[in-house]
Amino acid sequence: MKFGGTFYNNFSNATGSKNKDYAKDVLLDEIARLIELDRANVILILKESGYVLPAKATKKQIIDATVRA
C-alpha cells in the first residue's frame, strides 16, 4: 500500500475532499493489493458478478474487469 493508513481512512478522506484522482488512486491501490494477496478470490468474485475471466487471469485482465465493474 503506497498510502499511509487504512484503506477505509484513505478512501474516506479522498472522497470527502472531492479529489477524484486521489480517490481513484486509493481504490486502484487497494485492488492491486487484493490481486497480489488473493488473486483466486478476486477472480471468483468477478466471475460471480458476471464477468468472464480465465481461471489464471493476468493482473491486467483482472484490473480491466474491475474497471468495467
C-alpha atoms as a PDB file:
ATOM      1  CA  MET A   1       0.000   0.000   0.000  1.00  0.00           C
ATOM      2  CA  LYS A   2       1.539   3.251  -1.073  1.00  0.00           C
ATOM      3  CA  PHE A   3      -0.783   5.374   1.065  1.00  0.00           C
ATOM      4  CA  GLY A   4      -0.341   5.583   4.823  1.00  0.00           C
ATOM      5  CA  GLY A   5      -3.265   4.479   6.993  1.00  0.00           C
ATOM      6  CA  THR A   6      -6.073   2.058   6.317  1.00  0.00           C
ATOM      7  CA  PHE A   7      -7.990   1.788   3.067  1.00  0.00           C
ATOM      8  CA  TYR A   8     -11.146   2.998   4.809  1.00  0.00           C
ATOM      9  CA  ASN A   9      -9.461   6.128   6.176  1.00  0.00           C
ATOM     10  CA  ASN A  10      -7.660   6.913   2.934  1.00  0.00           C
ATOM     11  CA  PHE A  11     -10.723   6.408   0.750  1.00  0.00           C
ATOM     12  CA  SER A  12     -12.960   8.316   3.140  1.00  0.00           C
ATOM     13  CA  ASN A  13     -10.560  11.260   3.159  1.00  0.00           C
ATOM     14  CA  ALA A  14     -10.197  11.181  -0.620  1.00  0.00           C
ATOM     15  CA  THR A  15     -13.932  11.143  -1.285  1.00  0.00           C
ATOM     16  CA  GLY A  16     -14.539  13.771   1.373  1.00  0.00           C
ATOM     17  CA  SER A  17     -12.038  16.106  -0.268  1.00  0.00           C
ATOM     18  CA  LYS A  18     -13.768  15.660  -3.665  1.00  0.00           C
ATOM     19  CA  ASN A  19     -10.377  14.780  -5.180  1.00  0.00           C
ATOM     20  CA  LYS A  20     -11.495  12.125  -7.661  1.00  0.00           C
ATOM     21  CA  ASP A  21      -7.951  11.354  -8.878  1.00  0.00           C
ATOM     22  CA  TYR A  22      -6.777  10.654  -5.333  1.00  0.00           C
ATOM     23  CA  ALA A  23      -9.858   8.528  -4.629  1.00  0.00           C
ATOM     24  CA  LYS A  24      -9.251   6.557  -7.834  1.00  0.00           C
ATOM     25  CA  ASP A  25      -5.589   6.025  -6.912  1.00  0.00           C
ATOM     26  CA  VAL A  26      -6.514   4.797  -3.424  1.00  0.00           C
ATOM     27  CA  LEU A  27      -9.115   2.410  -4.836  1.00  0.00           C
ATOM     28  CA  LEU A  28      -6.804   1.026  -7.541  1.00  0.00           C
ATOM     29  CA  ASP A  29      -4.027   0.602  -4.987  1.00  0.00           C
ATOM     30  CA  GLU A  30      -6.341  -1.484  -2.810  1.00  0.00           C
ATOM     31  CA  ILE A  31      -7.463  -3.579  -5.781  1.00  0.00           C
ATOM     32  CA  ALA A  32      -3.823  -4.211  -6.720  1.00  0.00           C
ATOM     33  CA  ARG A  33      -3.116  -5.275  -3.134  1.00  0.00           C
ATOM     34  CA  LEU A  34      -6.046  -7.693  -3.171  1.00  0.00           C
ATOM     35  CA  ILE A  35      -4.950  -9.150  -6.510  1.00  0.00           C
ATOM     36  CA  GLU A  36      -1.452  -9.679  -5.149  1.00  0.00           C
ATOM     37  CA  LEU A  37      -2.654 -11.275  -1.903  1.00  0.00           C
ATOM     38  CA  ASP A  38      -5.604 -13.351  -3.102  1.00  0.00           C
ATOM     39  CA  ARG A  39      -5.894 -13.440  -6.894  1.00  0.00           C
ATOM     40  CA  ALA A  40      -8.095 -16.567  -6.944  1.00  0.00           C
ATOM     41  CA  ASN A  41     -10.800 -14.968  -4.775  1.00  0.00           C
ATOM     42  CA  VAL A  42     -10.743 -11.727  -6.760  1.00  0.00           C
ATOM     43  CA  ILE A  43     -11.283 -13.773  -9.944  1.00  0.00           C
ATOM     44  CA  LEU A  44     -14.065 -15.749  -8.238  1.00  0.00           C
ATOM     45  CA  ILE A  45     -15.830 -12.580  -7.067  1.00  0.00           C
ATOM     46  CA  LEU A  46     -15.642 -11.040 -10.543  1.00  0.00           C
ATOM     47  CA  LYS A  47     -16.960 -14.258 -12.133  1.00  0.00           C
ATOM     48  CA  GLU A  48     -19.841 -14.374  -9.640  1.00  0.00           C
ATOM     49  CA  SER A  49     -20.604 -10.787 -10.661  1.00  0.00           C
ATOM     50  CA  GLY A  50     -20.963 -11.853 -14.279  1.00  0.00           C
ATOM     51  CA  TYR A  51     -17.522 -11.084 -15.687  1.00  0.00           C
ATOM     52  CA  VAL A  52     -15.863 -13.692 -17.889  1.00  0.00           C
ATOM     53  CA  LEU A  53     -12.271 -14.343 -16.872  1.00  0.00           C
ATOM     54  CA  PRO A  54      -9.953 -17.300 -17.399  1.00  0.00           C
ATOM     55  CA  ALA A  55      -9.036 -19.290 -14.271  1.00  0.00           C
ATOM     56  CA  LYS A  56      -5.473 -17.991 -14.489  1.00  0.00           C
ATOM     57  CA  ALA A  57      -6.296 -14.427 -15.490  1.00  0.00           C
ATOM     58  CA  THR A  58      -3.421 -11.980 -15.712  1.00  0.00           C
ATOM     59  CA  LYS A  59      -3.269  -8.927 -13.475  1.00  0.00           C
ATOM     60  CA  LYS A  60      -4.187  -6.797 -16.482  1.00  0.00           C
ATOM     61  CA  GLN A  61      -7.273  -8.908 -17.231  1.00  0.00           C
ATOM     62  CA  ILE A  62      -8.371  -8.676 -13.589  1.00  0.00           C
ATOM     63  CA  ILE A  63      -7.824  -4.912 -13.442  1.00  0.00           C
ATOM     64  CA  ASP A  64      -9.645  -4.395 -16.763  1.00  0.00           C
ATOM     65  CA  ALA A  65     -12.643  -6.387 -15.451  1.00  0.00           C
ATOM     66  CA  THR A  66     -12.569  -4.424 -12.194  1.00  0.00           C
ATOM     67  CA  VAL A  67     -12.532  -1.088 -14.008  1.00  0.00           C
ATOM     68  CA  ARG A  68     -15.514  -2.206 -16.132  1.00  0.00           C
ATOM     69  CA  ALA A  69     -17.410  -3.234 -12.972  1.00  0.00           C
END
